[in-house]
Amino acid sequence: MDANIRKRIFGKSLRMMASAHLTRLWSYLDGVWTEEQPTGNVDRRWFGCSIDGDQMVAVVNNVYGRVWCKLDGTWAEHQPAGNVNKYWMGASIHKGRILLSVERAADGRLYSYDGSSWSEEQPVGDVSRNWRPVAINNGQMIAGVNATTGRLYSKLNGSWVEEQPAGNVDRVWWSADINNGQMIATSRSLTNGRVYSNLSGTWVDEQAAGDVNSNWGCCSINNGQMMAGNTTRLYSKLNGSWVEEQPAGNVNKDWAGCAIYDDILLAGVWNGRLYYKYDGVWEEMQPSGDTNRYWPSVSISK
C-alpha cells in the first residue's frame, strides 16, 4: 500500500472487518490486519460480521453456530437465543446496539441487543422465517426474508412495518443496509433481481446495471452514496449516477460482501480476493495472505 494513501486513510481512524467463510475472521485497526480468534485458533464457518469503532460482532453459520461480540476489548460468547446452536446469518452493530438474524425457516428469528440485554424482534409476529440481511443504524433497523415468499421489513420509529420496494410481491431479499433512515436492499433472481433504494420515503428501482435482472449479492449505503454487487460485476453510485467498478479488472467475479464509508469502498469476492478503494484507486488487501477466500461479509467504520 502506498505510504501516502496509508497515512490519509489512517487519518480517518478507519476500521475494517472481514469474515472468511469456512476459515477465519480479521479486523483492520491502526493500519494492520489482525486475525481475530473469538473461538480460539480454529476454523469456523464465519458469516455475518460488523464493526463500529472498537466494537465488533461476528456469527457462525452452521449446526455449531454461535454469536461472538467484542464490546469492551475482549471477545465473549453471547446467547441471544439461549445456550443453543443456530444458523446465524446476518450481523450488524452501531453505537453498542446489535441486530442479528437466523436463516433457517424452521427456527429463523431476529434478535436485538440494546446495550444491556437481548430480545427477540418479531416483524411478522411469533413465527419463524428464513431471515438473512439485517442492518442497524442509530437504533433504526432493516431486515429481509431470504425465500421465495420473502418480504422486507423496517423499524424506523419504534414499530416494524413491511416495506414493498417492488410492490406487494414476494422477493428473495439477499442484502440490505440502512444509514440515517436511508435504505437500500437487493433481491436475488435472474427473473426479478433488482437494487432498490429509499432515500426520502419512496422506494426506487435503481437499475444499477441497467434495466436487467440479476443475482445481487451485496449492497451498502452511507450518506446517500451506494454500492451493490452481483454474481458478475460491482457498481457504485457516488455522484448521482451508477458506474461499474473494476477492482480486479474487466473480469466477472461473484461479489459477496461490500461496504461504503464516505469515499472508501470495500468489497469481497466469494472464492476470491478482498479489495478496497480510496482516492479513486482500487487495491487488493490480503488479510490472510496471497490466497483466495470466501468473503461473505465486510464492514467499515471510523
Protein backbone atom coordinates (compact mmCIF):
# COMPACT_ATOMS: atom_id res chain seq x y z
CA MET A 1 0.00 0.00 0.00
CA ASP A 2 1.28 3.46 -0.88
CA ALA A 3 2.57 5.23 2.24
CA ASN A 4 0.71 8.46 1.48
CA ILE A 5 -2.58 6.65 0.98
CA ARG A 6 -1.96 4.72 4.18
CA LYS A 7 -1.42 7.96 6.08
CA ARG A 8 -4.58 9.57 4.74
CA ILE A 9 -6.71 6.51 5.48
CA PHE A 10 -5.40 6.27 8.99
CA GLY A 11 -6.12 9.96 9.44
CA LYS A 12 -9.76 8.95 9.24
CA SER A 13 -9.23 6.43 12.08
CA LEU A 14 -10.54 3.81 9.69
CA ARG A 15 -11.54 0.38 10.91
CA MET A 16 -12.48 -2.60 8.77
CA MET A 17 -13.65 -6.13 9.38
CA ALA A 18 -14.00 -9.15 7.10
CA SER A 19 -15.16 -12.72 7.58
CA ALA A 20 -13.87 -15.68 5.59
CA HIS A 21 -16.44 -18.45 5.42
CA LEU A 22 -15.00 -21.85 6.40
CA THR A 23 -11.86 -20.32 7.92
CA ARG A 24 -11.13 -17.19 9.93
CA LEU A 25 -12.07 -13.64 10.91
CA TRP A 26 -9.99 -10.47 10.51
CA SER A 27 -10.04 -6.86 11.68
CA TYR A 28 -8.14 -3.85 10.32
CA LEU A 29 -7.11 -1.47 13.11
CA ASP A 30 -4.29 1.09 13.14
CA GLY A 31 -3.22 0.10 9.64
CA VAL A 32 -2.72 -3.60 10.27
CA TRP A 33 -4.86 -6.66 9.52
CA THR A 34 -5.13 -8.89 12.58
CA GLU A 35 -6.71 -12.30 12.83
CA GLU A 36 -9.44 -12.31 15.45
CA GLN A 37 -9.90 -15.57 17.33
CA PRO A 38 -13.20 -15.42 19.23
CA THR A 39 -13.27 -19.23 19.48
CA GLY A 40 -9.53 -19.80 19.65
CA ASN A 41 -7.11 -20.87 16.95
CA VAL A 42 -9.64 -22.90 14.96
CA ASP A 43 -11.56 -22.60 11.71
CA ARG A 44 -15.24 -21.72 11.79
CA ARG A 45 -17.97 -21.07 9.24
CA TRP A 46 -17.96 -17.33 9.90
CA PHE A 47 -20.64 -15.40 8.07
CA GLY A 48 -22.04 -12.06 9.18
CA CYS A 49 -19.65 -9.60 10.81
CA SER A 50 -19.79 -5.92 11.69
CA ILE A 51 -17.55 -3.29 13.25
CA ASP A 52 -18.33 0.07 14.83
CA GLY A 53 -15.36 1.85 16.31
CA ASP A 54 -13.65 -0.70 18.54
CA GLN A 55 -16.75 -2.85 18.94
CA MET A 56 -17.32 -5.95 16.81
CA VAL A 57 -19.82 -8.75 16.33
CA ALA A 58 -19.48 -11.96 14.32
CA VAL A 59 -21.61 -15.06 13.87
CA VAL A 60 -21.01 -18.67 12.88
CA ASN A 61 -23.38 -20.19 10.33
CA ASN A 62 -23.71 -23.98 10.76
CA VAL A 63 -25.00 -26.64 13.15
CA TYR A 64 -22.47 -25.34 15.70
CA GLY A 65 -23.41 -21.72 15.14
CA ARG A 66 -22.84 -19.22 17.91
CA VAL A 67 -22.64 -15.43 18.40
CA TRP A 68 -19.48 -13.62 19.47
CA CYS A 69 -19.16 -9.98 20.49
CA LYS A 70 -16.19 -7.79 21.32
CA LEU A 71 -17.73 -4.86 23.14
CA ASP A 72 -15.09 -3.96 25.73
CA GLY A 73 -11.85 -5.23 24.23
CA THR A 74 -12.42 -8.95 24.81
CA TRP A 75 -14.33 -11.50 22.75
CA ALA A 76 -17.22 -13.13 24.59
CA GLU A 77 -19.92 -15.54 23.51
CA HIS A 78 -23.43 -14.12 23.65
CA GLN A 79 -26.54 -16.28 23.71
CA PRO A 80 -29.45 -14.28 22.27
CA ALA A 81 -31.50 -17.47 21.81
CA GLY A 82 -30.13 -19.30 24.83
CA ASN A 83 -27.41 -21.94 25.03
CA VAL A 84 -28.24 -23.48 21.66
CA ASN A 85 -26.68 -23.60 18.19
CA LYS A 86 -28.30 -21.68 15.36
CA TYR A 87 -27.64 -20.99 11.69
CA TRP A 88 -26.73 -17.37 12.35
CA MET A 89 -26.58 -15.32 9.16
CA GLY A 90 -26.62 -11.52 9.39
CA ALA A 91 -24.90 -9.31 11.96
CA SER A 92 -24.86 -5.54 12.41
CA ILE A 93 -23.63 -3.26 15.22
CA HIS A 94 -23.90 0.50 15.73
CA LYS A 95 -23.39 2.54 18.89
CA GLY A 96 -23.46 -0.56 21.06
CA ARG A 97 -26.72 -1.86 19.62
CA ILE A 98 -26.80 -5.09 17.61
CA LEU A 99 -29.19 -6.82 15.20
CA LEU A 100 -28.78 -10.49 14.21
CA SER A 101 -30.64 -12.96 12.00
CA VAL A 102 -31.09 -16.73 11.94
CA GLU A 103 -31.65 -18.03 8.43
CA ARG A 104 -33.45 -21.38 8.72
CA ALA A 105 -37.21 -21.29 8.25
CA ALA A 106 -37.64 -23.91 10.99
CA ASP A 107 -36.26 -21.64 13.70
CA GLY A 108 -35.36 -18.43 11.92
CA ARG A 109 -35.69 -15.39 14.15
CA LEU A 110 -34.31 -11.88 14.65
CA TYR A 111 -32.56 -10.79 17.83
CA SER A 112 -31.50 -7.34 19.02
CA TYR A 113 -29.20 -6.10 21.76
CA ASP A 114 -29.85 -2.71 23.37
CA GLY A 115 -26.52 -2.42 25.16
CA SER A 116 -27.53 -4.45 28.20
CA SER A 117 -29.82 -7.31 27.20
CA TRP A 118 -31.04 -9.36 24.23
CA SER A 119 -34.62 -9.55 22.99
CA GLU A 120 -36.38 -11.17 20.08
CA GLU A 121 -37.69 -8.96 17.28
CA GLN A 122 -40.96 -10.07 15.67
CA PRO A 123 -41.66 -8.13 12.47
CA VAL A 124 -44.31 -10.68 11.40
CA GLY A 125 -45.35 -11.96 14.80
CA ASP A 126 -44.28 -15.03 16.73
CA VAL A 127 -43.38 -17.11 13.68
CA SER A 128 -40.14 -18.34 12.14
CA ARG A 129 -38.84 -17.07 8.83
CA ASN A 130 -35.74 -17.60 6.70
CA TRP A 131 -34.15 -14.30 7.76
CA ARG A 132 -30.96 -13.19 6.02
CA PRO A 133 -29.99 -9.50 5.64
CA VAL A 134 -30.07 -7.20 8.67
CA ALA A 135 -28.71 -3.77 9.45
CA ILE A 136 -28.97 -1.32 12.34
CA ASN A 137 -28.06 2.36 12.44
CA ASN A 138 -28.95 4.87 15.16
CA GLY A 139 -31.46 2.34 16.50
CA GLN A 140 -33.27 2.04 13.17
CA MET A 141 -33.40 -1.45 11.65
CA ILE A 142 -33.98 -3.24 8.35
CA ALA A 143 -34.37 -6.99 7.82
CA GLY A 144 -35.25 -9.24 4.91
CA VAL A 145 -36.50 -12.79 4.35
CA ASN A 146 -34.45 -14.94 2.02
CA ALA A 147 -37.11 -17.18 0.48
CA THR A 148 -39.46 -17.32 -2.46
CA THR A 149 -42.12 -15.95 -0.08
CA GLY A 150 -39.75 -13.26 1.18
CA ARG A 151 -40.66 -9.80 2.36
CA LEU A 152 -38.69 -6.80 3.63
CA TYR A 153 -39.28 -5.01 6.93
CA SER A 154 -38.05 -1.87 8.66
CA LYS A 155 -38.24 -0.46 12.16
CA LEU A 156 -37.71 3.27 11.88
CA ASN A 157 -39.99 4.73 14.54
CA GLY A 158 -40.35 2.01 17.15
CA SER A 159 -42.56 -0.41 15.23
CA TRP A 160 -41.90 -2.93 12.47
CA VAL A 161 -43.59 -2.26 9.13
CA GLU A 162 -43.47 -4.15 5.85
CA GLU A 163 -41.62 -2.37 3.08
CA GLN A 164 -42.66 -3.04 -0.52
CA PRO A 165 -39.83 -1.86 -2.78
CA ALA A 166 -41.14 -3.99 -5.66
CA GLY A 167 -44.79 -3.69 -4.73
CA ASN A 168 -46.96 -6.21 -2.90
CA VAL A 169 -45.00 -9.20 -4.15
CA ASP A 170 -42.57 -11.74 -2.74
CA ARG A 171 -38.87 -11.49 -3.42
CA VAL A 172 -35.71 -13.27 -2.29
CA TRP A 173 -34.17 -10.46 -0.24
CA TRP A 174 -30.44 -11.11 -0.16
CA SER A 175 -28.84 -7.94 1.23
CA ALA A 176 -29.94 -4.70 2.87
CA ASP A 177 -28.49 -1.69 4.63
CA ILE A 178 -29.66 1.44 6.44
CA ASN A 179 -27.97 4.75 7.23
CA ASN A 180 -29.64 7.79 8.79
CA GLY A 181 -33.05 6.49 7.71
CA GLN A 182 -31.98 5.90 4.12
CA MET A 183 -32.29 2.29 2.96
CA ILE A 184 -31.01 0.04 0.21
CA ALA A 185 -31.99 -3.57 -0.49
CA THR A 186 -31.36 -6.15 -3.19
CA SER A 187 -33.41 -9.09 -4.40
CA ARG A 188 -31.63 -12.09 -5.88
CA SER A 189 -33.05 -13.70 -9.01
CA LEU A 190 -32.40 -13.84 -12.74
CA THR A 191 -36.09 -13.12 -13.26
CA ASN A 192 -36.69 -10.30 -10.74
CA GLY A 193 -33.40 -9.48 -9.04
CA ARG A 194 -33.08 -5.73 -8.56
CA VAL A 195 -31.47 -3.00 -6.45
CA TYR A 196 -33.89 -0.71 -4.62
CA SER A 197 -33.29 2.41 -2.55
CA ASN A 198 -35.39 4.60 -0.31
CA LEU A 199 -33.70 7.93 0.36
CA SER A 200 -36.67 10.12 1.24
CA GLY A 201 -39.71 7.96 1.85
CA THR A 202 -40.20 6.38 -1.59
CA TRP A 203 -38.67 3.17 -2.95
CA VAL A 204 -36.96 3.45 -6.33
CA ASP A 205 -35.68 0.76 -8.69
CA GLU A 206 -32.07 1.88 -9.04
CA GLN A 207 -31.23 -0.15 -12.17
CA ALA A 208 -27.62 -0.23 -11.08
CA ALA A 209 -26.67 -2.44 -14.02
CA GLY A 210 -29.37 -1.13 -16.32
CA ASP A 211 -32.93 -2.40 -16.78
CA VAL A 212 -31.96 -6.04 -16.27
CA ASN A 213 -32.45 -8.66 -13.56
CA SER A 214 -29.50 -10.17 -11.75
CA ASN A 215 -28.40 -12.26 -8.77
CA TRP A 216 -27.46 -9.37 -6.50
CA GLY A 217 -25.23 -10.47 -3.63
CA CYS A 218 -24.43 -7.35 -1.60
CA CYS A 219 -25.27 -3.68 -1.09
CA SER A 220 -24.32 -0.78 1.16
CA ILE A 221 -25.35 2.84 1.74
CA ASN A 222 -23.70 5.77 3.52
CA ASN A 223 -24.85 9.39 3.36
CA GLY A 224 -26.80 8.72 0.17
CA GLN A 225 -23.87 7.06 -1.59
CA MET A 226 -24.44 3.45 -2.57
CA MET A 227 -22.74 0.35 -3.87
CA ALA A 228 -24.00 -3.07 -4.94
CA GLY A 229 -22.55 -6.23 -6.38
CA ASN A 230 -23.93 -9.25 -8.17
CA THR A 231 -22.52 -12.56 -9.30
CA THR A 232 -20.58 -10.87 -12.10
CA ARG A 233 -19.91 -7.16 -11.51
CA LEU A 234 -19.66 -4.43 -8.87
CA TYR A 235 -21.29 -0.98 -9.08
CA SER A 236 -21.24 2.29 -7.13
CA LYS A 237 -23.30 5.46 -7.08
CA LEU A 238 -21.15 8.18 -5.55
CA ASN A 239 -22.03 11.25 -7.60
CA GLY A 240 -25.59 10.70 -8.75
CA SER A 241 -25.02 8.01 -11.38
CA TRP A 242 -24.24 4.31 -11.23
CA VAL A 243 -20.87 3.27 -12.61
CA GLU A 244 -19.22 -0.11 -12.89
CA GLU A 245 -16.27 -0.66 -10.60
CA GLN A 246 -13.48 -3.00 -11.69
CA PRO A 247 -11.38 -3.81 -8.60
CA ALA A 248 -9.97 -6.93 -10.26
CA GLY A 249 -10.00 -5.61 -13.81
CA ASN A 250 -12.55 -6.22 -16.56
CA VAL A 251 -13.48 -9.70 -15.41
CA ASN A 252 -16.53 -11.33 -13.84
CA LYS A 253 -16.45 -12.05 -10.11
CA ASP A 254 -19.02 -13.24 -7.61
CA TRP A 255 -19.24 -10.19 -5.33
CA ALA A 256 -20.48 -11.42 -1.95
CA GLY A 257 -19.81 -8.60 0.52
CA CYS A 258 -19.44 -4.83 0.17
CA ALA A 259 -19.35 -1.74 2.36
CA ILE A 260 -19.07 2.01 1.77
CA TYR A 261 -17.97 4.74 4.18
CA ASP A 262 -17.53 8.26 2.85
CA ASP A 263 -15.22 7.88 -0.15
CA ILE A 264 -13.89 4.47 0.85
CA LEU A 265 -15.23 1.24 -0.67
CA LEU A 266 -14.58 -2.32 0.48
CA ALA A 267 -15.64 -5.43 -1.43
CA GLY A 268 -15.09 -9.17 -1.15
CA VAL A 269 -15.38 -11.96 -3.71
CA TRP A 270 -16.90 -15.37 -3.00
CA ASN A 271 -13.89 -17.64 -3.52
CA GLY A 272 -11.67 -14.74 -4.43
CA ARG A 273 -9.98 -11.66 -3.02
CA LEU A 274 -10.68 -8.61 -0.90
CA TYR A 275 -10.40 -5.10 -2.37
CA TYR A 276 -10.71 -1.52 -1.17
CA LYS A 277 -10.92 1.80 -2.99
CA TYR A 278 -9.61 5.07 -1.64
CA ASP A 279 -8.95 8.31 -3.51
CA GLY A 280 -10.22 6.73 -6.73
CA VAL A 281 -7.82 3.79 -6.73
CA TRP A 282 -8.64 0.13 -6.11
CA GLU A 283 -6.12 -2.04 -4.29
CA GLU A 284 -6.13 -5.66 -3.20
CA MET A 285 -5.90 -6.35 0.50
CA GLN A 286 -4.52 -9.63 1.83
CA PRO A 287 -5.64 -10.22 5.41
CA SER A 288 -4.88 -13.93 5.10
CA GLY A 289 -2.01 -13.69 2.65
CA ASP A 290 -1.90 -14.23 -1.09
CA THR A 291 -4.77 -16.71 -1.27
CA ASN A 292 -8.45 -16.89 -2.21
CA ARG A 293 -11.14 -16.92 0.46
CA TYR A 294 -14.92 -16.84 0.60
CA TRP A 295 -15.66 -13.28 1.74
CA PRO A 296 -19.41 -13.13 2.56
CA SER A 297 -19.32 -10.13 4.89
CA VAL A 298 -17.25 -6.96 5.18
CA SER A 299 -17.66 -3.83 7.29
CA ILE A 300 -16.16 -0.33 7.60
CA SER A 301 -16.25 2.11 10.48
CA LYS A 302 -14.35 5.08 11.90
